[in-house]
Protein backbone atom coordinates (compact mmCIF):
# COMPACT_ATOMS: atom_id res chain seq x y z
CA UNK A 1 313.97 3.85 -3.48
CA UNK A 2 312.16 5.28 -6.53
CA UNK A 3 313.43 4.46 -10.00
CA UNK A 4 313.29 7.27 -12.53
CA UNK A 5 314.20 6.91 -16.19
CA UNK A 6 317.59 8.27 -17.24
CA UNK A 7 319.12 9.15 -20.57
CA UNK A 8 321.01 6.13 -21.90
CA UNK A 9 324.07 6.82 -24.08
CA UNK A 10 325.60 3.35 -23.74
CA UNK A 11 323.95 -0.03 -23.28
CA UNK A 12 323.89 -1.72 -19.87
CA UNK A 13 326.50 -4.21 -21.02
CA UNK A 14 328.85 -1.62 -22.54
CA UNK A 15 328.53 0.58 -19.46
CA UNK A 16 329.30 -2.41 -17.23
CA UNK A 17 332.33 -3.50 -19.27
CA UNK A 18 333.83 0.00 -19.38
CA UNK A 19 333.01 0.52 -15.72
CA UNK A 20 334.64 -2.77 -14.76
CA UNK A 21 337.85 -2.01 -16.66
CA UNK A 22 338.05 1.42 -15.03
CA UNK A 23 337.24 0.32 -11.49
CA UNK A 24 339.60 -2.66 -11.67
CA UNK A 25 342.65 -0.45 -12.30
CA UNK A 26 343.14 0.37 -8.62
CA UNK A 27 342.68 -3.13 -7.13
CA UNK A 28 344.63 -4.81 -9.93
CA UNK A 29 347.54 -2.40 -9.50
CA UNK A 30 347.58 -3.35 -5.85
CA UNK A 31 347.02 -7.11 -6.20
CA UNK A 32 349.51 -7.53 -9.05
CA UNK A 33 352.21 -6.05 -6.84
CA UNK A 34 351.59 -7.82 -3.52
CA UNK A 35 353.51 -11.06 -4.30
CA UNK A 36 356.64 -8.96 -4.83
CA UNK A 37 356.49 -7.19 -1.48
CA UNK A 38 358.58 -9.68 0.54
CA UNK A 39 361.13 -9.86 -2.33
CA UNK A 40 361.50 -6.06 -2.44
CA UNK A 41 362.70 -6.06 1.16
CA UNK A 42 365.81 -7.85 -0.14
CA UNK A 43 366.07 -5.98 -3.45
CA UNK A 44 366.24 -2.52 -1.87
CA UNK A 45 368.02 -3.62 1.31
CA UNK A 46 365.26 -2.24 3.49
CA UNK A 47 362.80 -3.50 6.09
CA UNK A 48 359.24 -4.80 5.95
CA UNK A 49 357.79 -1.53 7.27
CA UNK A 50 359.29 0.48 4.41
CA UNK A 51 357.92 -1.93 1.80
CA UNK A 52 354.50 -1.85 3.48
CA UNK A 53 354.70 1.93 3.26
CA UNK A 54 354.76 1.71 -0.55
CA UNK A 55 351.30 0.16 -0.35
CA UNK A 56 350.11 2.61 2.30
CA UNK A 57 351.20 5.61 0.23
CA UNK A 58 349.42 4.11 -2.78
CA UNK A 59 346.28 3.94 -0.66
CA UNK A 60 346.77 7.55 0.44
CA UNK A 61 347.16 8.88 -3.12
CA UNK A 62 344.26 6.78 -4.33
CA UNK A 63 342.00 7.87 -1.49
CA UNK A 64 342.66 11.61 -1.50
CA UNK A 65 342.85 12.10 -5.27
CA UNK A 66 339.33 10.76 -5.70
CA UNK A 67 338.03 13.86 -3.96
CA UNK A 68 339.54 15.93 -6.78
CA UNK A 69 338.92 13.78 -9.86
CA UNK A 70 335.23 13.23 -9.04
CA UNK A 71 334.32 16.94 -9.06
CA UNK A 72 336.63 17.49 -12.05
CA UNK A 73 334.52 14.97 -13.98
CA UNK A 74 331.35 16.81 -12.87
CA UNK A 75 332.85 20.03 -14.21
CA UNK A 76 334.58 18.93 -17.43
CA UNK A 77 333.17 15.49 -18.23
CA UNK A 78 334.11 11.90 -17.52
CA UNK A 79 336.30 11.21 -20.60
CA UNK A 80 338.87 14.04 -20.28
CA UNK A 81 339.43 13.25 -16.60
CA UNK A 82 339.98 9.55 -17.35
CA UNK A 83 342.56 10.55 -19.97
CA UNK A 84 344.38 12.99 -17.68
CA UNK A 85 344.57 10.62 -14.72
CA UNK A 86 345.61 7.67 -16.87
CA UNK A 87 348.59 9.84 -17.88
CA UNK A 88 349.52 10.31 -14.21
CA UNK A 89 349.19 6.57 -13.66
CA UNK A 90 351.46 5.86 -16.63
CA UNK A 91 354.11 8.24 -15.30
CA UNK A 92 354.08 6.46 -11.96
CA UNK A 93 354.28 3.05 -13.63
CA UNK A 94 357.35 4.06 -15.67
CA UNK A 95 359.08 5.42 -12.56
CA UNK A 96 358.30 2.21 -10.65
CA UNK A 97 359.70 0.12 -13.51
CA UNK A 98 362.97 2.07 -13.43
CA UNK A 99 363.19 2.47 -9.63
CA UNK A 100 366.61 1.88 -8.08
CA UNK A 101 365.70 2.79 -4.48
CA UNK A 102 362.81 2.45 -2.08
CA UNK A 103 362.41 6.25 -2.17
CA UNK A 104 361.85 6.22 -5.94
CA UNK A 105 359.34 3.40 -5.56
CA UNK A 106 357.46 5.40 -2.92
CA UNK A 107 357.13 8.35 -5.34
CA UNK A 108 356.03 6.01 -8.12
CA UNK A 109 353.40 4.31 -6.00
CA UNK A 110 352.00 7.69 -4.93
CA UNK A 111 351.61 8.73 -8.58
CA UNK A 112 350.04 5.39 -9.45
CA UNK A 113 347.53 5.79 -6.63
CA UNK A 114 346.61 9.29 -7.78
CA UNK A 115 346.21 8.15 -11.38
CA UNK A 116 344.19 5.04 -10.57
CA UNK A 117 341.75 7.02 -8.42
CA UNK A 118 339.77 8.15 -11.47
CA UNK A 119 338.75 4.59 -12.21
CA UNK A 120 336.75 3.96 -9.07
CA UNK A 121 335.23 7.46 -8.97
CA UNK A 122 334.20 7.70 -12.61
CA UNK A 123 333.13 4.09 -13.22
CA UNK A 124 330.15 4.43 -10.91
CA UNK A 125 329.43 7.99 -12.03
CA UNK A 126 328.88 6.83 -15.63
CA UNK A 127 326.38 4.30 -14.29
CA UNK A 128 324.49 6.96 -12.32
CA UNK A 129 324.57 9.28 -15.35
CA UNK A 130 322.40 6.80 -17.25
CA UNK A 131 320.72 4.30 -14.91
CA UNK A 132 318.90 4.19 -11.57
CA UNK A 133 317.00 1.63 -9.50
CA UNK A 134 317.14 -2.04 -10.40
CA UNK A 135 318.90 -1.30 -13.72
CA UNK A 136 321.69 0.43 -11.82
CA UNK A 137 321.88 -2.49 -9.38
CA UNK A 138 322.23 -4.95 -12.28
CA UNK A 139 325.11 -2.95 -13.74
CA UNK A 140 326.81 -2.51 -10.38
CA UNK A 141 326.55 -6.28 -9.97
CA UNK A 142 327.95 -6.93 -13.44
CA UNK A 143 330.81 -4.53 -12.71
CA UNK A 144 331.47 -6.53 -9.55
CA UNK A 145 331.25 -9.79 -11.47
CA UNK A 146 333.74 -8.65 -14.09
CA UNK A 147 335.87 -6.85 -11.52
CA UNK A 148 336.43 -10.14 -9.71
CA UNK A 149 338.26 -11.59 -12.70
CA UNK A 150 341.09 -9.03 -12.62
CA UNK A 151 341.97 -9.19 -8.92
CA UNK A 152 341.50 -12.97 -9.01
CA UNK A 153 344.12 -13.36 -11.70
CA UNK A 154 346.39 -10.45 -10.70
CA UNK A 155 348.18 -12.06 -7.71
CA UNK A 156 348.73 -15.24 -9.73
CA UNK A 157 350.07 -13.26 -12.68
CA UNK A 158 352.18 -11.15 -10.33
CA UNK A 159 353.67 -14.21 -8.61
CA UNK A 160 354.43 -15.98 -11.88
CA UNK A 161 355.86 -12.79 -13.41
CA UNK A 162 358.04 -12.28 -10.36
CA UNK A 163 359.52 -15.77 -10.55
CA UNK A 164 359.90 -15.84 -14.35
CA UNK A 165 360.86 -12.26 -15.27
CA UNK A 166 361.60 -10.38 -12.04
CA UNK A 167 359.81 -7.64 -10.15
CA UNK A 168 360.30 -4.91 -12.79
CA UNK A 169 358.13 -6.84 -15.25
CA UNK A 170 355.18 -6.43 -12.87
CA UNK A 171 355.33 -2.67 -13.31
CA UNK A 172 355.70 -3.08 -17.06
CA UNK A 173 352.35 -4.87 -17.00
CA UNK A 174 350.92 -1.83 -15.23
CA UNK A 175 352.27 0.40 -18.01
CA UNK A 176 350.33 -1.72 -20.52
CA UNK A 177 347.14 -1.43 -18.45
CA UNK A 178 347.51 2.35 -18.28
CA UNK A 179 347.87 2.56 -22.06
CA UNK A 180 344.76 0.41 -22.45
CA UNK A 181 342.74 2.76 -20.21
CA UNK A 182 343.78 5.74 -22.33
CA UNK A 183 342.75 3.95 -25.53
CA UNK A 184 339.42 2.98 -23.95
CA UNK A 185 338.60 6.60 -23.10
CA UNK A 186 339.63 7.83 -26.55
CA UNK A 187 337.89 5.31 -28.76
CA UNK A 188 335.12 3.51 -26.87
CA UNK A 189 333.78 5.62 -24.01
CA UNK A 190 330.91 8.07 -24.57
CA UNK A 191 330.66 11.28 -22.58
CA UNK A 192 327.74 10.60 -20.22
CA UNK A 193 327.74 13.69 -18.01
CA UNK A 194 324.90 15.97 -19.11
CA UNK A 195 325.29 18.23 -16.05
CA UNK A 196 328.78 19.53 -16.90
CA UNK A 197 329.39 22.82 -15.10
CA UNK A 198 332.81 24.33 -14.39
CA UNK A 199 331.44 25.87 -11.22
CA UNK A 200 331.61 22.40 -9.66
CA UNK A 201 335.37 22.87 -9.15
CA UNK A 202 335.13 26.29 -7.52
CA UNK A 203 336.19 26.06 -3.87
CA UNK A 204 332.78 27.21 -2.66
CA UNK A 205 330.82 24.73 -4.80
CA UNK A 206 333.25 21.93 -4.01
CA UNK A 207 332.88 22.50 -0.28
CA UNK A 208 329.11 22.75 -0.65
CA UNK A 209 328.89 19.46 -2.57
CA UNK A 210 330.93 17.51 -0.04
CA UNK A 211 329.18 19.07 2.95
CA UNK A 212 325.87 18.10 1.38
CA UNK A 213 327.02 14.49 1.09
CA UNK A 214 328.46 14.38 4.61
CA UNK A 215 325.21 15.71 6.06
CA UNK A 216 323.03 13.22 4.22
CA UNK A 217 322.43 10.01 6.24
CA UNK A 218 321.04 8.28 3.14
CA UNK A 219 324.48 8.66 1.58
CA UNK A 220 326.51 8.05 4.73
CA UNK A 221 324.99 4.75 5.82
CA UNK A 222 325.62 2.73 2.60
CA UNK A 223 328.95 4.46 2.02
CA UNK A 224 330.28 3.61 5.48
CA UNK A 225 329.03 0.02 5.12
CA UNK A 226 331.02 -0.28 1.88
CA UNK A 227 333.93 1.56 3.48
CA UNK A 228 334.21 -0.97 6.28
CA UNK A 229 333.62 -4.08 4.14
CA UNK A 230 335.42 -3.31 0.88
CA UNK A 231 337.91 -1.40 3.02
CA UNK A 232 338.42 -4.67 4.86
CA UNK A 233 339.34 -6.35 1.58
CA UNK A 234 341.93 -3.63 0.92
CA UNK A 235 343.22 -4.05 4.46
CA UNK A 236 343.61 -7.78 3.84
CA UNK A 237 345.81 -6.97 0.84
CA UNK A 238 348.41 -5.50 3.20
CA UNK A 239 348.13 -8.37 5.70
CA UNK A 240 347.75 -11.56 3.68
CA UNK A 241 351.14 -11.58 1.85
CA UNK A 242 352.96 -11.67 5.17
CA UNK A 243 350.55 -14.13 6.79
CA UNK A 244 350.46 -16.59 3.90
CA UNK A 245 354.10 -16.32 2.77
CA UNK A 246 355.84 -15.79 6.12
CA UNK A 247 353.51 -17.62 8.53
CA UNK A 248 351.79 -20.32 6.44
CA UNK A 249 354.94 -20.84 4.34
CA UNK A 250 353.74 -20.54 0.74
CA UNK A 251 355.91 -19.23 -2.11
CA UNK A 252 354.97 -15.96 -3.88
CA UNK A 253 353.41 -17.86 -6.80
CA UNK A 254 351.50 -20.13 -4.41
CA UNK A 255 350.31 -17.03 -2.59
CA UNK A 256 349.04 -15.72 -5.93
CA UNK A 257 347.06 -18.91 -6.49
CA UNK A 258 345.67 -18.81 -2.95
CA UNK A 259 344.28 -15.30 -3.49
CA UNK A 260 341.98 -16.77 -6.12
CA UNK A 261 339.99 -18.15 -3.18
CA UNK A 262 339.14 -14.56 -2.22
CA UNK A 263 338.50 -13.17 -5.68
CA UNK A 264 336.91 -16.39 -6.89
CA UNK A 265 334.47 -16.27 -3.99
CA UNK A 266 333.68 -12.63 -4.81
CA UNK A 267 333.10 -13.67 -8.42
CA UNK A 268 330.80 -16.51 -7.34
CA UNK A 269 328.95 -14.18 -4.98
CA UNK A 270 328.44 -11.69 -7.81
CA UNK A 271 327.18 -14.47 -10.08
CA UNK A 272 324.71 -15.72 -7.46
CA UNK A 273 323.61 -12.13 -6.80
CA UNK A 274 323.01 -11.56 -10.50
CA UNK A 275 320.60 -14.50 -10.55
CA UNK A 276 318.90 -13.32 -7.35
CA UNK A 277 318.36 -9.85 -8.84
CA UNK A 278 316.12 -11.44 -11.49
CA UNK A 279 313.63 -12.37 -8.77
CA UNK A 280 314.31 -9.98 -5.89
CA UNK A 281 315.17 -6.32 -5.39
CA UNK A 282 318.76 -5.48 -4.50
CA UNK A 283 317.73 -4.35 -1.01
CA UNK A 284 315.92 -7.58 -0.21
CA UNK A 285 319.05 -9.73 -0.49
CA UNK A 286 321.22 -7.50 1.72
CA UNK A 287 320.42 -9.38 4.99
CA UNK A 288 321.78 -12.61 3.47
CA UNK A 289 325.04 -10.86 2.59
CA UNK A 290 325.31 -9.37 6.06
CA UNK A 291 324.78 -12.80 7.63
CA UNK A 292 327.73 -14.15 5.64
CA UNK A 293 329.89 -11.21 6.71
CA UNK A 294 328.98 -11.95 10.34
CA UNK A 295 330.01 -15.62 9.96
CA UNK A 296 333.27 -14.57 8.28
CA UNK A 297 334.42 -12.06 10.89
CA UNK A 298 333.62 -14.43 13.74
CA UNK A 299 335.66 -17.16 12.03
CA UNK A 300 338.58 -14.75 11.46
CA UNK A 301 338.60 -13.72 15.10
CA UNK A 302 338.64 -17.34 16.28
CA UNK A 303 340.89 -19.06 13.71
CA UNK A 304 343.59 -16.36 13.84
CA UNK A 305 344.30 -17.52 17.40
CA UNK A 306 345.46 -20.96 16.19
CA UNK A 307 349.19 -21.48 16.61
CA UNK A 308 349.71 -23.63 13.49
CA UNK A 309 347.91 -21.69 10.78
CA UNK A 310 346.98 -23.44 7.55
CA UNK A 311 345.84 -21.88 4.29
CA UNK A 312 342.22 -22.80 5.08
CA UNK A 313 342.36 -21.18 8.52
CA UNK A 314 343.21 -17.92 6.76
CA UNK A 315 341.45 -18.04 3.39
CA UNK A 316 338.25 -19.86 4.42
CA UNK A 317 336.85 -16.88 6.37
CA UNK A 318 338.26 -14.44 3.79
CA UNK A 319 336.33 -16.26 1.03
CA UNK A 320 333.06 -16.08 2.99
CA UNK A 321 333.71 -12.38 3.69
CA UNK A 322 334.23 -11.66 -0.02
CA UNK A 323 331.06 -13.58 -0.99
CA UNK A 324 328.99 -11.53 1.46
CA UNK A 325 330.37 -8.25 0.13
CA UNK A 326 329.43 -9.23 -3.43
CA UNK A 327 325.83 -9.72 -2.28
CA UNK A 328 325.47 -6.27 -0.64
CA UNK A 329 327.50 -4.27 -3.19
CA UNK A 330 324.77 -3.52 -5.82
CA UNK A 331 322.26 -2.25 -3.27
CA UNK A 332 324.71 -0.12 -1.29
CA UNK A 333 326.31 1.46 -4.39
CA UNK A 334 322.93 2.32 -5.94
CA UNK A 335 321.44 3.68 -2.70
CA UNK A 336 324.40 5.96 -2.04
CA UNK A 337 324.41 7.57 -5.51
CA UNK A 338 320.69 7.79 -6.26
CA UNK A 339 319.84 11.25 -4.85
CA UNK A 340 322.78 13.07 -6.49
CA UNK A 341 322.59 12.98 -10.33
CA UNK A 342 324.03 16.48 -10.76
CA UNK A 343 327.09 15.70 -8.60
CA UNK A 344 327.41 11.99 -9.36
CA UNK A 345 331.18 12.32 -9.76
CA UNK A 346 331.58 13.91 -6.33
CA UNK A 347 329.23 11.36 -4.74
CA UNK A 348 331.05 8.45 -6.35
CA UNK A 349 334.39 9.96 -5.33
CA UNK A 350 333.28 10.39 -1.72
CA UNK A 351 331.96 6.83 -1.67
CA UNK A 352 335.31 5.64 -3.01
CA UNK A 353 337.05 7.82 -0.43
CA UNK A 354 335.20 5.97 2.31
CA UNK A 355 336.20 2.60 0.83
CA UNK A 356 339.86 3.38 0.30
CA UNK A 357 339.96 5.41 3.50
CA UNK A 358 338.65 2.34 5.31
CA UNK A 359 341.46 0.33 3.72
CA UNK A 360 344.01 2.97 4.67
CA UNK A 361 342.86 3.13 8.28
CA UNK A 362 342.66 -0.65 8.50
CA UNK A 363 346.16 -1.03 7.06
CA UNK A 364 347.50 1.59 9.47
CA UNK A 365 345.86 -0.21 12.39
CA UNK A 366 347.43 -3.49 11.24
CA UNK A 367 350.85 -1.82 11.08
CA UNK A 368 350.40 -0.46 14.60
CA UNK A 369 349.50 -3.92 15.88
CA UNK A 370 352.68 -5.22 14.23
CA UNK A 371 351.86 -8.92 14.04
CA UNK A 372 350.01 -9.58 10.74
CA UNK A 373 348.17 -12.57 12.22
CA UNK A 374 346.87 -10.42 15.07
CA UNK A 375 345.86 -7.83 12.49
CA UNK A 376 343.87 -10.48 10.64
CA UNK A 377 342.07 -11.53 13.80
CA UNK A 378 341.32 -8.04 15.13
CA UNK A 379 341.24 -5.28 12.50
CA UNK A 380 339.04 -6.83 9.80
CA UNK A 381 336.51 -8.30 12.29
CA UNK A 382 336.12 -4.86 13.91
CA UNK A 383 335.52 -3.28 10.49
CA UNK A 384 332.92 -5.92 9.64
CA UNK A 385 331.20 -5.42 12.99
CA UNK A 386 330.77 -1.70 12.26
CA UNK A 387 329.07 -2.56 8.96
CA UNK A 388 326.76 -5.04 10.69
CA UNK A 389 325.64 -2.51 13.30
CA UNK A 390 324.90 0.10 10.62
CA UNK A 391 322.96 -2.41 8.51
CA UNK A 392 320.58 -2.98 11.44
CA UNK A 393 319.71 0.72 11.62
CA UNK A 394 316.52 1.72 9.73
CA UNK A 395 316.71 3.64 6.45
CA UNK A 396 315.02 7.00 6.01
CA UNK A 397 312.94 7.41 2.82
CA UNK A 398 314.91 8.71 -0.16
CA UNK A 399 313.99 12.19 -1.37
CA UNK A 400 313.21 12.75 -5.02
CA UNK A 401 316.37 13.60 -7.02
CA UNK A 402 317.01 17.26 -7.79
CA UNK A 403 317.22 16.41 -11.49
CA UNK A 404 317.69 13.55 -13.88
CA UNK A 405 320.16 13.00 -16.71
CA UNK A 406 318.86 14.34 -19.96
CA UNK A 407 316.28 16.69 -18.42
């Protein structure tokens, strides 16, 4: 993959920090909330399926809204779209805080998903606006490294908040995060999109951009690999609370601590990857990450069949899975975005759509199976197997980009 110089408006570190804060909004909003899910069954006098639906509808809003906010940022710039969508996220967070019924919470979670979608779409677009090649891979890795901290701490914070202050306080924390995102866009984030063109949001141009992406195998292969691996992590978020709390027997706060095994492993994998990138290209280390993913999904499929599940039966394979994803993430993210500088927002949005769509489909499959333990042993291994098969297929050479930032 060729590396062409781009116009740099923010340093690598500043871009990575801002990108990490933006991209973490979606996963943190999900992870912070998961310890409260079993409790909300009692609070609203409903059933497990209805509470799971609040997470599914969050996924749906998050997934579909990316396809709008990405092109909007291509048309009007990254900063104004971050501001607008953070406002939607705030509205949803306030409604969730005040919710008195499961129906109100469903509406709130949909708005939160829509608002949080800008984070994952625009975070990677601001990287592509300025950096390509190994520089982009380093930033994508640093975003992953810093991203791991939020989801690692979020379930623990959510569990402790739930036990100390109640479930409403969890959504108050989301309100604070939304305000912080708005302040970040106003005072610290530079506008990096030098290809702004309002024609990007015309129906004809929008359809053309997405058709171009869907016809491009160089975009599809890495995006589907991320969709089935990171999507597996999102699927696990809907399964693990019920496996670890209801089947293993941990309390909500203990569940929060246990999730640090997943996020901590992702953090460690990102740290190891960062060191490897000093000596190797991002593509060269992908086979090692895929090997770890293979080990993880095989272990999930086998250990989920044990009658007396322990925490290590569940979280051991999940930790290996997360480590492997951290290794492949910089290469796959960079490869998918490289050929599309003029529609980086749309490309990033479509890549995010694949990831969250993978999580949505995986979560839906787990709901259909019914038993969360069976979901753990079937759904995520199948998703990982799809990624492994694709990774073995040869890459076609990348074409030269149509244009570069700053040209």
